[in-house]
Amino acid sequence: MFNALMGLGWGIVGFAMIIGVGMVVLNRFAGGISACNSSSPTYNYTQEWCQNATSISGDAHTYVPDSNGYTSVSTLTDQLGSSGLAGWAPAIIAFSVGMLFLGGFLIGKGNKQRQY
């Protein structure tokens, strides 16, 4: 049973790594195709908007890029993040652990011989 738990644990770690790496790659890709204009040429990866080098949050020269490519990649990031696939992670983990324990309880019942 503990071998199955180790497999489940490694599966959860792999799932988390795929989501984490996917989020980072999509965020960097979005910055690469963001098409910031000349008044705000720098893409801020942390805040996910275009800004000039001296602007701060709330300045008139900060805006979210609106190119088609950026919008598509941003949507993919949302679908991979907490509002998408990662949002299902707790349900997947709970279901897997529940099935594992139910299977563990039911395995012992199949080996018993009836005595007449």
PDB file of N, CA and C in Angstrom:
ATOM      1  N   MET A   1       0.820  -1.197   0.000  1.00  0.00           N
ATOM      2  CA  MET A   1       0.000   0.000   0.000  1.00  0.00           C
ATOM      3  C   MET A   1       0.863   1.260   0.000  1.00  0.00           C
ATOM      4  N   PHE A   2       2.020   1.178   0.701  1.00  0.00           N
ATOM      5  CA  PHE A   2       2.876   2.354   0.738  1.00  0.00           C
ATOM      6  C   PHE A   2       3.541   2.612  -0.609  1.00  0.00           C
ATOM      7  N   ASN A   3       3.739   1.552  -1.415  1.00  0.00           N
ATOM      8  CA  ASN A   3       4.257   1.764  -2.765  1.00  0.00           C
ATOM      9  C   ASN A   3       3.261   2.566  -3.594  1.00  0.00           C
ATOM     10  N   ALA A   4       1.983   2.273  -3.414  1.00  0.00           N
ATOM     11  CA  ALA A   4       0.953   3.028  -4.130  1.00  0.00           C
ATOM     12  C   ALA A   4       0.909   4.477  -3.653  1.00  0.00           C
ATOM     13  N   LEU A   5       1.110   4.684  -2.346  1.00  0.00           N
ATOM     14  CA  LEU A   5       1.146   6.051  -1.827  1.00  0.00           C
ATOM     15  C   LEU A   5       2.338   6.826  -2.378  1.00  0.00           C
ATOM     16  N   MET A   6       3.480   6.152  -2.513  1.00  0.00           N
ATOM     17  CA  MET A   6       4.648   6.828  -3.093  1.00  0.00           C
ATOM     18  C   MET A   6       4.383   7.194  -4.543  1.00  0.00           C
ATOM     19  N   GLY A   7       3.754   6.281  -5.278  1.00  0.00           N
ATOM     20  CA  GLY A   7       3.404   6.583  -6.662  1.00  0.00           C
ATOM     21  C   GLY A   7       2.443   7.749  -6.765  1.00  0.00           C
ATOM     22  N   LEU A   8       1.466   7.784  -5.870  1.00  0.00           N
ATOM     23  CA  LEU A   8       0.516   8.887  -5.846  1.00  0.00           C
ATOM     24  C   LEU A   8       1.216  10.203  -5.513  1.00  0.00           C
ATOM     25  N   GLY A   9       2.127  10.139  -4.542  1.00  0.00           N
ATOM     26  CA  GLY A   9       2.875  11.344  -4.168  1.00  0.00           C
ATOM     27  C   GLY A   9       3.727  11.872  -5.308  1.00  0.00           C
ATOM     28  N   TRP A  10       4.426  10.981  -6.000  1.00  0.00           N
ATOM     29  CA  TRP A  10       5.237  11.423  -7.139  1.00  0.00           C
ATOM     30  C   TRP A  10       4.355  11.942  -8.272  1.00  0.00           C
ATOM     31  N   GLY A  11       3.188  11.368  -8.442  1.00  0.00           N
ATOM     32  CA  GLY A  11       2.261  11.879  -9.450  1.00  0.00           C
ATOM     33  C   GLY A  11       1.797  13.288  -9.131  1.00  0.00           C
ATOM     34  N   ILE A  12       1.521  13.558  -7.855  1.00  0.00           N
ATOM     35  CA  ILE A  12       1.100  14.898  -7.444  1.00  0.00           C
ATOM     36  C   ILE A  12       2.232  15.900  -7.630  1.00  0.00           C
ATOM     37  N   VAL A  13       3.463  15.482  -7.283  1.00  0.00           N
ATOM     38  CA  VAL A  13       4.626  16.362  -7.485  1.00  0.00           C
ATOM     39  C   VAL A  13       4.820  16.652  -8.968  1.00  0.00           C
ATOM     40  N   GLY A  14       4.705  15.631  -9.810  1.00  0.00           N
ATOM     41  CA  GLY A  14       4.828  15.845 -11.248  1.00  0.00           C
ATOM     42  C   GLY A  14       3.744  16.761 -11.797  1.00  0.00           C
ATOM     43  N   PHE A  15       2.528  16.580 -11.313  1.00  0.00           N
ATOM     44  CA  PHE A  15       1.404  17.428 -11.722  1.00  0.00           C
ATOM     45  C   PHE A  15       1.675  18.888 -11.360  1.00  0.00           C
ATOM     46  N   ALA A  16       2.158  19.121 -10.142  1.00  0.00           N
ATOM     47  CA  ALA A  16       2.466  20.485  -9.701  1.00  0.00           C
ATOM     48  C   ALA A  16       3.603  21.088 -10.511  1.00  0.00           C
ATOM     49  N   MET A  17       4.600  20.287 -10.843  1.00  0.00           N
ATOM     50  CA  MET A  17       5.723  20.806 -11.634  1.00  0.00           C
ATOM     51  C   MET A  17       5.292  21.161 -13.049  1.00  0.00           C
ATOM     52  N   ILE A  18       4.428  20.345 -13.637  1.00  0.00           N
ATOM     53  CA  ILE A  18       3.933  20.650 -14.982  1.00  0.00           C
ATOM     54  C   ILE A  18       3.163  21.963 -14.973  1.00  0.00           C
ATOM     55  N   ILE A  19       2.313  22.163 -13.978  1.00  0.00           N
ATOM     56  CA  ILE A  19       1.543  23.407 -13.890  1.00  0.00           C
ATOM     57  C   ILE A  19       2.474  24.598 -13.647  1.00  0.00           C
ATOM     58  N   GLY A  20       3.434  24.445 -12.724  1.00  0.00           N
ATOM     59  CA  GLY A  20       4.345  25.547 -12.418  1.00  0.00           C
ATOM     60  C   GLY A  20       5.210  25.945 -13.601  1.00  0.00           C
ATOM     61  N   VAL A  21       5.806  24.964 -14.270  1.00  0.00           N
ATOM     62  CA  VAL A  21       6.640  25.263 -15.429  1.00  0.00           C
ATOM     63  C   VAL A  21       5.787  25.826 -16.559  1.00  0.00           C
ATOM     64  N   GLY A  22       4.602  25.285 -16.751  1.00  0.00           N
ATOM     65  CA  GLY A  22       3.714  25.809 -17.786  1.00  0.00           C
ATOM     66  C   GLY A  22       3.333  27.255 -17.546  1.00  0.00           C
ATOM     67  N   MET A  23       3.080  27.617 -16.282  1.00  0.00           N
ATOM     68  CA  MET A  23       2.734  29.011 -15.962  1.00  0.00           C
ATOM     69  C   MET A  23       3.908  29.945 -16.258  1.00  0.00           C
ATOM     70  N   VAL A  24       5.115  29.530 -15.885  1.00  0.00           N
ATOM     71  CA  VAL A  24       6.293  30.375 -16.124  1.00  0.00           C
ATOM     72  C   VAL A  24       6.548  30.538 -17.619  1.00  0.00           C
ATOM     73  N   VAL A  25       6.474  29.434 -18.360  1.00  0.00           N
ATOM     74  CA  VAL A  25       6.722  29.493 -19.799  1.00  0.00           C
ATOM     75  C   VAL A  25       5.678  30.372 -20.481  1.00  0.00           C
ATOM     76  N   LEU A  26       4.400  30.199 -20.133  1.00  0.00           N
ATOM     77  CA  LEU A  26       3.355  31.015 -20.756  1.00  0.00           C
ATOM     78  C   LEU A  26       3.498  32.489 -20.387  1.00  0.00           C
ATOM     79  N   ASN A  27       3.906  32.782 -19.148  1.00  0.00           N
ATOM     80  CA  ASN A  27       4.098  34.174 -18.745  1.00  0.00           C
ATOM     81  C   ASN A  27       5.234  34.808 -19.549  1.00  0.00           C
ATOM     82  N   ARG A  28       6.330  34.106 -19.722  1.00  0.00           N
ATOM     83  CA  ARG A  28       7.450  34.634 -20.507  1.00  0.00           C
ATOM     84  C   ARG A  28       7.073  34.776 -21.971  1.00  0.00           C
ATOM     85  N   PHE A  29       6.316  33.819 -22.488  1.00  0.00           N
ATOM     86  CA  PHE A  29       5.875  33.898 -23.876  1.00  0.00           C
ATOM     87  C   PHE A  29       4.945  35.092 -24.077  1.00  0.00           C
ATOM     88  N   ALA A  30       4.064  35.335 -23.116  1.00  0.00           N
ATOM     89  CA  ALA A  30       3.165  36.488 -23.206  1.00  0.00           C
ATOM     90  C   ALA A  30       3.958  37.786 -23.231  1.00  0.00           C
ATOM     91  N   GLY A  31       5.015  37.867 -22.429  1.00  0.00           N
ATOM     92  CA  GLY A  31       5.860  39.066 -22.440  1.00  0.00           C
ATOM     93  C   GLY A  31       6.585  39.244 -23.752  1.00  0.00           C
ATOM     94  N   GLY A  32       6.943  38.136 -24.388  1.00  0.00           N
ATOM     95  CA  GLY A  32       7.639  38.215 -25.666  1.00  0.00           C
ATOM     96  C   GLY A  32       6.764  38.691 -26.805  1.00  0.00           C
ATOM     97  N   ILE A  33       5.473  38.445 -26.736  1.00  0.00           N
ATOM     98  CA  ILE A  33       4.567  38.853 -27.816  1.00  0.00           C
ATOM     99  C   ILE A  33       3.619  39.972 -27.369  1.00  0.00           C
ATOM    100  N   SER A  34       3.978  40.686 -26.316  1.00  0.00           N
ATOM    101  CA  SER A  34       3.052  41.658 -25.736  1.00  0.00           C
ATOM    102  C   SER A  34       2.812  42.884 -26.599  1.00  0.00           C
ATOM    103  N   ALA A  35       3.700  43.237 -27.507  1.00  0.00           N
ATOM    104  CA  ALA A  35       3.542  44.384 -28.412  1.00  0.00           C
ATOM    105  C   ALA A  35       3.281  45.680 -27.650  1.00  0.00           C
ATOM    106  N   CYS A  36       4.182  46.010 -26.730  1.00  0.00           N
ATOM    107  CA  CYS A  36       4.083  47.283 -26.014  1.00  0.00           C
ATOM    108  C   CYS A  36       4.405  48.424 -26.979  1.00  0.00           C
ATOM    109  N   ASN A  37       3.751  49.574 -26.807  1.00  0.00           N
ATOM    110  CA  ASN A  37       3.982  50.690 -27.724  1.00  0.00           C
ATOM    111  C   ASN A  37       5.211  51.512 -27.301  1.00  0.00           C
ATOM    112  N   SER A  38       5.533  52.550 -28.061  1.00  0.00           N
ATOM    113  CA  SER A  38       6.767  53.304 -27.831  1.00  0.00           C
ATOM    114  C   SER A  38       6.719  54.161 -26.565  1.00  0.00           C
ATOM    115  N   SER A  39       5.536  54.546 -26.083  1.00  0.00           N
ATOM    116  CA  SER A  39       5.478  55.353 -24.854  1.00  0.00           C
ATOM    117  C   SER A  39       5.682  54.497 -23.606  1.00  0.00           C
ATOM    118  N   SER A  40       5.368  53.207 -23.691  1.00  0.00           N
ATOM    119  CA  SER A  40       5.577  52.272 -22.573  1.00  0.00           C
ATOM    120  C   SER A  40       6.197  50.994 -23.131  1.00  0.00           C
ATOM    121  N   PRO A  41       7.493  51.025 -23.436  1.00  0.00           N
ATOM    122  CA  PRO A  41       8.101  49.916 -24.177  1.00  0.00           C
ATOM    123  C   PRO A  41       8.482  48.696 -23.361  1.00  0.00           C
ATOM    124  N   THR A  42       8.455  48.752 -22.046  1.00  0.00           N
ATOM    125  CA  THR A  42       8.935  47.655 -21.213  1.00  0.00           C
ATOM    126  C   THR A  42       7.768  46.846 -20.668  1.00  0.00           C
ATOM    127  N   TYR A  43       7.859  45.515 -20.813  1.00  0.00           N
ATOM    128  CA  TYR A  43       6.839  44.627 -20.257  1.00  0.00           C
ATOM    129  C   TYR A  43       7.270  44.219 -18.858  1.00  0.00           C
ATOM    130  N   ASN A  44       6.405  44.438 -17.864  1.00  0.00           N
ATOM    131  CA  ASN A  44       6.680  44.064 -16.486  1.00  0.00           C
ATOM    132  C   ASN A  44       6.103  42.667 -16.264  1.00  0.00           C
ATOM    133  N   TYR A  45       6.974  41.656 -16.100  1.00  0.00           N
ATOM    134  CA  TYR A  45       6.520  40.270 -15.981  1.00  0.00           C
ATOM    135  C   TYR A  45       5.784  40.018 -14.671  1.00  0.00           C
ATOM    136  N   THR A  46       6.153  40.742 -13.621  1.00  0.00           N
ATOM    137  CA  THR A  46       5.499  40.537 -12.332  1.00  0.00           C
ATOM    138  C   THR A  46       4.072  41.055 -12.342  1.00  0.00           C
ATOM    139  N   GLN A  47       3.877  42.264 -12.833  1.00  0.00           N
ATOM    140  CA  GLN A  47       2.549  42.875 -12.862  1.00  0.00           C
ATOM    141  C   GLN A  47       1.764  42.552 -14.126  1.00  0.00           C
ATOM    142  N   GLU A  48       2.437  42.002 -15.136  1.00  0.00           N
ATOM    143  CA  GLU A  48       1.845  41.635 -16.420  1.00  0.00           C
ATOM    144  C   GLU A  48       1.218  42.829 -17.135  1.00  0.00           C
ATOM    145  N   TRP A  49       1.991  43.906 -17.247  1.00  0.00           N
ATOM    146  CA  TRP A  49       1.563  45.061 -18.018  1.00  0.00           C
ATOM    147  C   TRP A  49       2.758  45.755 -18.632  1.00  0.00           C
ATOM    148  N   CYS A  50       2.489  46.657 -19.583  1.00  0.00           N
ATOM    149  CA  CYS A  50       3.532  47.448 -20.221  1.00  0.00           C
ATOM    150  C   CYS A  50       3.733  48.726 -19.425  1.00  0.00           C
ATOM    151  N   GLN A  51       4.963  49.179 -19.331  1.00  0.00           N
ATOM    152  CA  GLN A  51       5.254  50.426 -18.619  1.00  0.00           C
ATOM    153  C   GLN A  51       6.545  51.005 -19.158  1.00  0.00           C
ATOM    154  N   ASN A  52       6.729  52.313 -18.923  1.00  0.00           N
ATOM    155  CA  ASN A  52       8.029  52.872 -19.242  1.00  0.00           C
ATOM    156  C   ASN A  52       8.945  52.671 -18.041  1.00  0.00           C
ATOM    157  N   ALA A  53      10.217  52.922 -18.198  1.00  0.00           N
ATOM    158  CA  ALA A  53      11.199  52.555 -17.173  1.00  0.00           C
ATOM    159  C   ALA A  53      11.000  53.307 -15.864  1.00  0.00           C
ATOM    160  N   THR A  54      10.373  54.473 -15.881  1.00  0.00           N
ATOM    161  CA  THR A  54      10.236  55.267 -14.663  1.00  0.00           C
ATOM    162  C   THR A  54       8.840  55.232 -14.068  1.00  0.00           C
ATOM    163  N   SER A  55       7.899  54.563 -14.714  1.00  0.00           N
ATOM    164  CA  SER A  55       6.519  54.594 -14.210  1.00  0.00           C
ATOM    165  C   SER A  55       6.350  53.667 -13.011  1.00  0.00           C
ATOM    166  N   ILE A  56       5.358  53.976 -12.202  1.00  0.00           N
ATOM    167  CA  ILE A  56       5.016  53.152 -11.057  1.00  0.00           C
ATOM    168  C   ILE A  56       3.560  52.736 -11.185  1.00  0.00           C
ATOM    169  N   SER A  57       3.105  51.913 -10.282  1.00  0.00           N
ATOM    170  CA  SER A  57       1.729  51.436 -10.335  1.00  0.00           C
ATOM    171  C   SER A  57       0.747  52.603 -10.308  1.00  0.00           C
ATOM    172  N   GLY A  58      -0.207  52.596 -11.196  1.00  0.00           N
ATOM    173  CA  GLY A  58      -1.219  53.627 -11.242  1.00  0.00           C
ATOM    174  C   GLY A  58      -0.869  54.785 -12.162  1.00  0.00           C
ATOM    175  N   ASP A  59       0.314  54.795 -12.730  1.00  0.00           N
ATOM    176  CA  ASP A  59       0.715  55.855 -13.644  1.00  0.00           C
ATOM    177  C   ASP A  59      -0.068  55.720 -14.948  1.00  0.00           C
ATOM    178  N   ALA A  60      -0.204  56.820 -15.657  1.00  0.00           N
ATOM    179  CA  ALA A  60      -0.960  56.815 -16.910  1.00  0.00           C
ATOM    180  C   ALA A  60      -0.249  56.019 -17.996  1.00  0.00           C
ATOM    181  N   HIS A  61       1.029  55.731 -17.820  1.00  0.00           N
ATOM    182  CA  HIS A  61       1.788  55.013 -18.847  1.00  0.00           C
ATOM    183  C   HIS A  61       1.911  53.517 -18.555  1.00  0.00           C
ATOM    184  N   THR A  62       1.022  52.973 -17.780  1.00  0.00           N
ATOM    185  CA  THR A  62       0.981  51.526 -17.574  1.00  0.00           C
ATOM    186  C   THR A  62      -0.336  50.996 -18.120  1.00  0.00           C
ATOM    187  N   TYR A  63      -0.278  49.914 -18.861  1.00  0.00           N
ATOM    188  CA  TYR A  63      -1.491  49.322 -19.416  1.00  0.00           C
ATOM    189  C   TYR A  63      -1.249  47.849 -19.729  1.00  0.00           C
ATOM    190  N   VAL A  64      -2.329  47.106 -19.811  1.00  0.00           N
ATOM    191  CA  VAL A  64      -2.255  45.691 -20.190  1.00  0.00           C
ATOM    192  C   VAL A  64      -2.260  45.632 -21.712  1.00  0.00           C
ATOM    193  N   PRO A  65      -1.322  44.905 -22.314  1.00  0.00           N
ATOM    194  CA  PRO A  65      -1.310  44.807 -23.780  1.00  0.00           C
ATOM    195  C   PRO A  65      -2.607  44.187 -24.292  1.00  0.00           C
ATOM    196  N   ASP A  66      -3.040  44.620 -25.466  1.00  0.00           N
ATOM    197  CA  ASP A  66      -4.296  44.104 -26.000  1.00  0.00           C
ATOM    198  C   ASP A  66      -4.129  43.426 -27.352  1.00  0.00           C
ATOM    199  N   SER A  67      -2.937  42.981 -27.687  1.00  0.00           N
ATOM    200  CA  SER A  67      -2.749  42.272 -28.956  1.00  0.00           C
ATOM    201  C   SER A  67      -3.418  40.900 -28.878  1.00  0.00           C
ATOM    202  N   ASN A  68      -3.767  40.354 -30.035  1.00  0.00           N
ATOM    203  CA  ASN A  68      -4.463  39.069 -30.076  1.00  0.00           C
ATOM    204  C   ASN A  68      -3.617  37.944 -29.488  1.00  0.00           C
ATOM    205  N   GLY A  69      -2.328  37.947 -29.791  1.00  0.00           N
ATOM    206  CA  GLY A  69      -1.451  36.901 -29.268  1.00  0.00           C
ATOM    207  C   GLY A  69      -1.354  36.959 -27.756  1.00  0.00           C
ATOM    208  N   TYR A  70      -1.197  38.166 -27.207  1.00  0.00           N
ATOM    209  CA  TYR A  70      -1.102  38.304 -25.756  1.00  0.00           C
ATOM    210  C   TYR A  70      -2.397  37.854 -25.083  1.00  0.00           C
ATOM    211  N   THR A  71      -3.524  38.231 -25.655  1.00  0.00           N
ATOM    212  CA  THR A  71      -4.815  37.855 -25.080  1.00  0.00           C
ATOM    213  C   THR A  71      -4.992  36.332 -25.073  1.00  0.00           C
ATOM    214  N   SER A  72      -4.595  35.681 -26.161  1.00  0.00           N
ATOM    215  CA  SER A  72      -4.723  34.214 -26.232  1.00  0.00           C
ATOM    216  C   SER A  72      -3.839  33.531 -25.202  1.00  0.00           C
ATOM    217  N   VAL A  73      -2.593  33.981 -25.077  1.00  0.00           N
ATOM    218  CA  VAL A  73      -1.675  33.364 -24.118  1.00  0.00           C
ATOM    219  C   VAL A  73      -2.122  33.653 -22.692  1.00  0.00           C
ATOM    220  N   SER A  74      -2.638  34.836 -22.441  1.00  0.00           N
ATOM    221  CA  SER A  74      -3.148  35.176 -21.117  1.00  0.00           C
ATOM    222  C   SER A  74      -4.337  34.284 -20.745  1.00  0.00           C
ATOM    223  N   THR A  75      -5.191  33.998 -21.715  1.00  0.00           N
ATOM    224  CA  THR A  75      -6.320  33.099 -21.483  1.00  0.00           C
ATOM    225  C   THR A  75      -5.837  31.682 -21.180  1.00  0.00           C
ATOM    226  N   LEU A  76      -4.821  31.221 -21.900  1.00  0.00           N
ATOM    227  CA  LEU A  76      -4.259  29.897 -21.623  1.00  0.00           C
ATOM    228  C   LEU A  76      -3.663  29.841 -20.224  1.00  0.00           C
ATOM    229  N   THR A  77      -3.016  30.914 -19.797  1.00  0.00           N
ATOM    230  CA  THR A  77      -2.447  30.965 -18.451  1.00  0.00           C
ATOM    231  C   THR A  77      -3.556  30.877 -17.408  1.00  0.00           C
ATOM    232  N   ASP A  78      -4.661  31.565 -17.634  1.00  0.00           N
ATOM    233  CA  ASP A  78      -5.797  31.487 -16.710  1.00  0.00           C
ATOM    234  C   ASP A  78      -6.371  30.069 -16.661  1.00  0.00           C
ATOM    235  N   GLN A  79      -6.435  29.402 -17.809  1.00  0.00           N
ATOM    236  CA  GLN A  79      -6.989  28.053 -17.844  1.00  0.00           C
ATOM    237  C   GLN A  79      -6.064  27.024 -17.217  1.00  0.00           C
ATOM    238  N   LEU A  80      -4.778  27.330 -17.155  1.00  0.00           N
ATOM    239  CA  LEU A  80      -3.836  26.429 -16.502  1.00  0.00           C
ATOM    240  C   LEU A  80      -3.748  26.710 -15.016  1.00  0.00           C
ATOM    241  N   GLY A  81      -4.011  27.944 -14.621  1.00  0.00           N
ATOM    242  CA  GLY A  81      -3.870  28.360 -13.227  1.00  0.00           C
ATOM    243  C   GLY A  81      -5.038  27.972 -12.351  1.00  0.00           C
ATOM    244  N   SER A  82      -5.242  28.728 -11.289  1.00  0.00           N
ATOM    245  CA  SER A  82      -6.225  28.345 -10.267  1.00  0.00           C
ATOM    246  C   SER A  82      -7.664  28.346 -10.779  1.00  0.00           C
ATOM    247  N   SER A  83      -7.957  29.072 -11.846  1.00  0.00           N
ATOM    248  CA  SER A  83      -9.315  29.039 -12.380  1.00  0.00           C
ATOM    249  C   SER A  83      -9.490  27.930 -13.413  1.00  0.00           C
ATOM    250  N   GLY A  84      -8.467  27.109 -13.625  1.00  0.00           N
ATOM    251  CA  GLY A  84      -8.551  26.037 -14.603  1.00  0.00           C
ATOM    252  C   GLY A  84      -8.087  24.719 -14.036  1.00  0.00           C
ATOM    253  N   LEU A  85      -7.038  24.162 -14.640  1.00  0.00           N
ATOM    254  CA  LEU A  85      -6.557  22.831 -14.278  1.00  0.00           C
ATOM    255  C   LEU A  85      -6.070  22.751 -12.841  1.00  0.00           C
ATOM    256  N   ALA A  86      -5.340  23.737 -12.383  1.00  0.00           N
ATOM    257  CA  ALA A  86      -4.826  23.707 -11.009  1.00  0.00           C
ATOM    258  C   ALA A  86      -5.960  23.795  -9.985  1.00  0.00           C
ATOM    259  N   GLY A  87      -7.080  24.373 -10.357  1.00  0.00           N
ATOM    260  CA  GLY A  87      -8.224  24.434  -9.458  1.00  0.00           C
ATOM    261  C   GLY A  87      -8.835  23.066  -9.189  1.00  0.00           C
ATOM    262  N   TRP A  88      -8.606  22.114 -10.090  1.00  0.00           N
ATOM    263  CA  TRP A  88      -9.115  20.758  -9.906  1.00  0.00           C
ATOM    264  C   TRP A  88      -8.181  19.901  -9.066  1.00  0.00           C
ATOM    265  N   ALA A  89      -6.980  20.376  -8.777  1.00  0.00           N
ATOM    266  CA  ALA A  89      -5.979  19.568  -8.066  1.00  0.00           C
ATOM    267  C   ALA A  89      -6.485  19.042  -6.711  1.00  0.00           C
ATOM    268  N   PRO A  90      -7.101  19.858  -5.845  1.00  0.00           N
ATOM    269  CA  PRO A  90      -7.570  19.300  -4.573  1.00  0.00           C
ATOM    270  C   PRO A  90      -8.603  18.185  -4.743  1.00  0.00           C
ATOM    271  N   ALA A  91      -9.494  18.331  -5.705  1.00  0.00           N
ATOM    272  CA  ALA A  91     -10.495  17.285  -5.940  1.00  0.00           C
ATOM    273  C   ALA A  91      -9.842  16.010  -6.466  1.00  0.00           C
ATOM    274  N   ILE A  92      -8.858  16.153  -7.347  1.00  0.00           N
ATOM    275  CA  ILE A  92      -8.153  14.990  -7.889  1.00  0.00           C
ATOM    276  C   ILE A  92      -7.398  14.273  -6.774  1.00  0.00           C
ATOM    277  N   ILE A  93      -6.733  15.024  -5.915  1.00  0.00           N
ATOM    278  CA  ILE A  93      -5.973  14.433  -4.814  1.00  0.00           C
ATOM    279  C   ILE A  93      -6.905  13.721  -3.841  1.00  0.00           C
ATOM    280  N   ALA A  94      -7.992  14.359  -3.470  1.00  0.00           N
ATOM    281  CA  ALA A  94      -8.939  13.737  -2.535  1.00  0.00           C
ATOM    282  C   ALA A  94      -9.549  12.467  -3.125  1.00  0.00           C
ATOM    283  N   PHE A  95      -9.925  12.504  -4.371  1.00  0.00           N
ATOM    284  CA  PHE A  95     -10.495  11.325  -5.032  1.00  0.00           C
ATOM    285  C   PHE A  95      -9.475  10.191  -5.096  1.00  0.00           C
ATOM    286  N   SER A  96      -8.223  10.514  -5.450  1.00  0.00           N
ATOM    287  CA  SER A  96      -7.182   9.483  -5.558  1.00  0.00           C
ATOM    288  C   SER A  96      -6.898   8.833  -4.214  1.00  0.00           C
ATOM    289  N   VAL A  97      -6.772   9.631  -3.170  1.00  0.00           N
ATOM    290  CA  VAL A  97      -6.508   9.080  -1.843  1.00  0.00           C
ATOM    291  C   VAL A  97      -7.700   8.254  -1.361  1.00  0.00           C
ATOM    292  N   GLY A  98      -8.901   8.725  -1.606  1.00  0.00           N
ATOM    293  CA  GLY A  98     -10.093   7.968  -1.221  1.00  0.00           C
ATOM    294  C   GLY A  98     -10.173   6.630  -1.930  1.00  0.00           C
ATOM    295  N   MET A  99      -9.911   6.603  -3.230  1.00  0.00           N
ATOM    296  CA  MET A  99      -9.927   5.340  -3.973  1.00  0.00           C
ATOM    297  C   MET A  99      -8.812   4.408  -3.505  1.00  0.00           C
ATOM    298  N   LEU A 100      -7.676   4.979  -3.150  1.00  0.00           N
ATOM    299  CA  LEU A 100      -6.564   4.170  -2.649  1.00  0.00           C
ATOM    300  C   LEU A 100      -6.933   3.472  -1.348  1.00  0.00           C
ATOM    301  N   PHE A 101      -7.534   4.202  -0.426  1.00  0.00           N
ATOM    302  CA  PHE A 101      -7.916   3.595   0.843  1.00  0.00           C
ATOM    303  C   PHE A 101      -9.081   2.625   0.686  1.00  0.00           C
ATOM    304  N   LEU A 102     -10.057   2.942  -0.153  1.00  0.00           N
ATOM    305  CA  LEU A 102     -11.140   1.994  -0.396  1.00  0.00           C
ATOM    306  C   LEU A 102     -10.609   0.708  -1.012  1.00  0.00           C
ATOM    307  N   GLY A 103      -9.674   0.833  -1.942  1.00  0.00           N
ATOM    308  CA  GLY A 103      -9.058  -0.341  -2.535  1.00  0.00           C
ATOM    309  C   GLY A 103      -8.290  -1.150  -1.512  1.00  0.00           C
ATOM    310  N   GLY A 104      -7.612  -0.476  -0.589  1.00  0.00           N
ATOM    311  CA  GLY A 104      -6.886  -1.168   0.467  1.00  0.00           C
ATOM    312  C   GLY A 104      -7.810  -1.938   1.389  1.00  0.00           C
ATOM    313  N   PHE A 105      -8.964  -1.386   1.691  1.00  0.00           N
ATOM    314  CA  PHE A 105      -9.921  -2.088   2.552  1.00  0.00           C
ATOM    315  C   PHE A 105     -10.576  -3.256   1.824  1.00  0.00           C
ATOM    316  N   LEU A 106     -10.805  -3.123   0.543  1.00  0.00           N
ATOM    317  CA  LEU A 106     -11.496  -4.173  -0.205  1.00  0.00           C
ATOM    318  C   LEU A 106     -10.579  -5.315  -0.630  1.00  0.00           C
ATOM    319  N   ILE A 107      -9.279  -5.090  -0.670  1.00  0.00           N
ATOM    320  CA  ILE A 107      -8.346  -6.142  -1.074  1.00  0.00           C
ATOM    321  C   ILE A 107      -8.378  -7.306  -0.096  1.00  0.00           C
ATOM    322  N   GLY A 108      -8.442  -7.029   1.173  1.00  0.00           N
ATOM    323  CA  GLY A 108      -8.430  -8.096   2.180  1.00  0.00           C
ATOM    324  C   GLY A 108      -9.668  -8.958   2.157  1.00  0.00           C
ATOM    325  N   LYS A 109     -10.783  -8.466   1.668  1.00  0.00           N
ATOM    326  CA  LYS A 109     -12.029  -9.223   1.693  1.00  0.00           C
ATOM    327  C   LYS A 109     -12.078 -10.302   0.617  1.00  0.00           C
ATOM    328  N   GLY A 110     -11.321 -10.181  -0.425  1.00  0.00           N
ATOM    329  CA  GLY A 110     -11.368 -11.158  -1.514  1.00  0.00           C
ATOM    330  C   GLY A 110     -10.616 -12.434  -1.208  1.00  0.00           C
ATOM    331  N   ASN A 111      -9.711 -12.460  -0.248  1.00  0.00           N
ATOM    332  CA  ASN A 111      -8.887 -13.624   0.039  1.00  0.00           C
ATOM    333  C   ASN A 111      -9.492 -14.543   1.088  1.00  0.00           C
ATOM    334  N   LYS A 112     -10.522 -14.155   1.758  1.00  0.00           N
ATOM    335  CA  LYS A 112     -11.099 -14.959   2.840  1.00  0.00           C
ATOM    336  C   LYS A 112     -11.936 -16.095   2.247  1.00  0.00           C
ATOM    337  N   GLN A 113     -11.779 -17.276   2.815  1.00  0.00           N
ATOM    338  CA  GLN A 113     -12.541 -18.447   2.408  1.00  0.00           C
ATOM    339  C   GLN A 113     -13.738 -18.607   3.345  1.00  0.00           C
ATOM    340  N   ARG A 114     -14.862 -18.958   2.771  1.00  0.00           N
ATOM    341  CA  ARG A 114     -16.034 -19.206   3.609  1.00  0.00           C
ATOM    342  C   ARG A 114     -15.954 -20.596   4.212  1.00  0.00           C
ATOM    343  N   GLN A 115     -16.342 -20.698   5.434  1.00  0.00           N
ATOM    344  CA  GLN A 115     -16.336 -21.993   6.119  1.00  0.00           C
ATOM    345  C   GLN A 115     -17.778 -22.456   6.256  1.00  0.00           C
ATOM    346  N   TYR A 116     -18.039 -23.649   5.759  1.00  0.00           N
ATOM    347  CA  TYR A 116     -19.401 -24.189   5.835  1.00  0.00           C
ATOM    348  C   TYR A 116     -19.495 -25.257   6.853  1.00  0.00           C
TER     349      TYR A 116
END
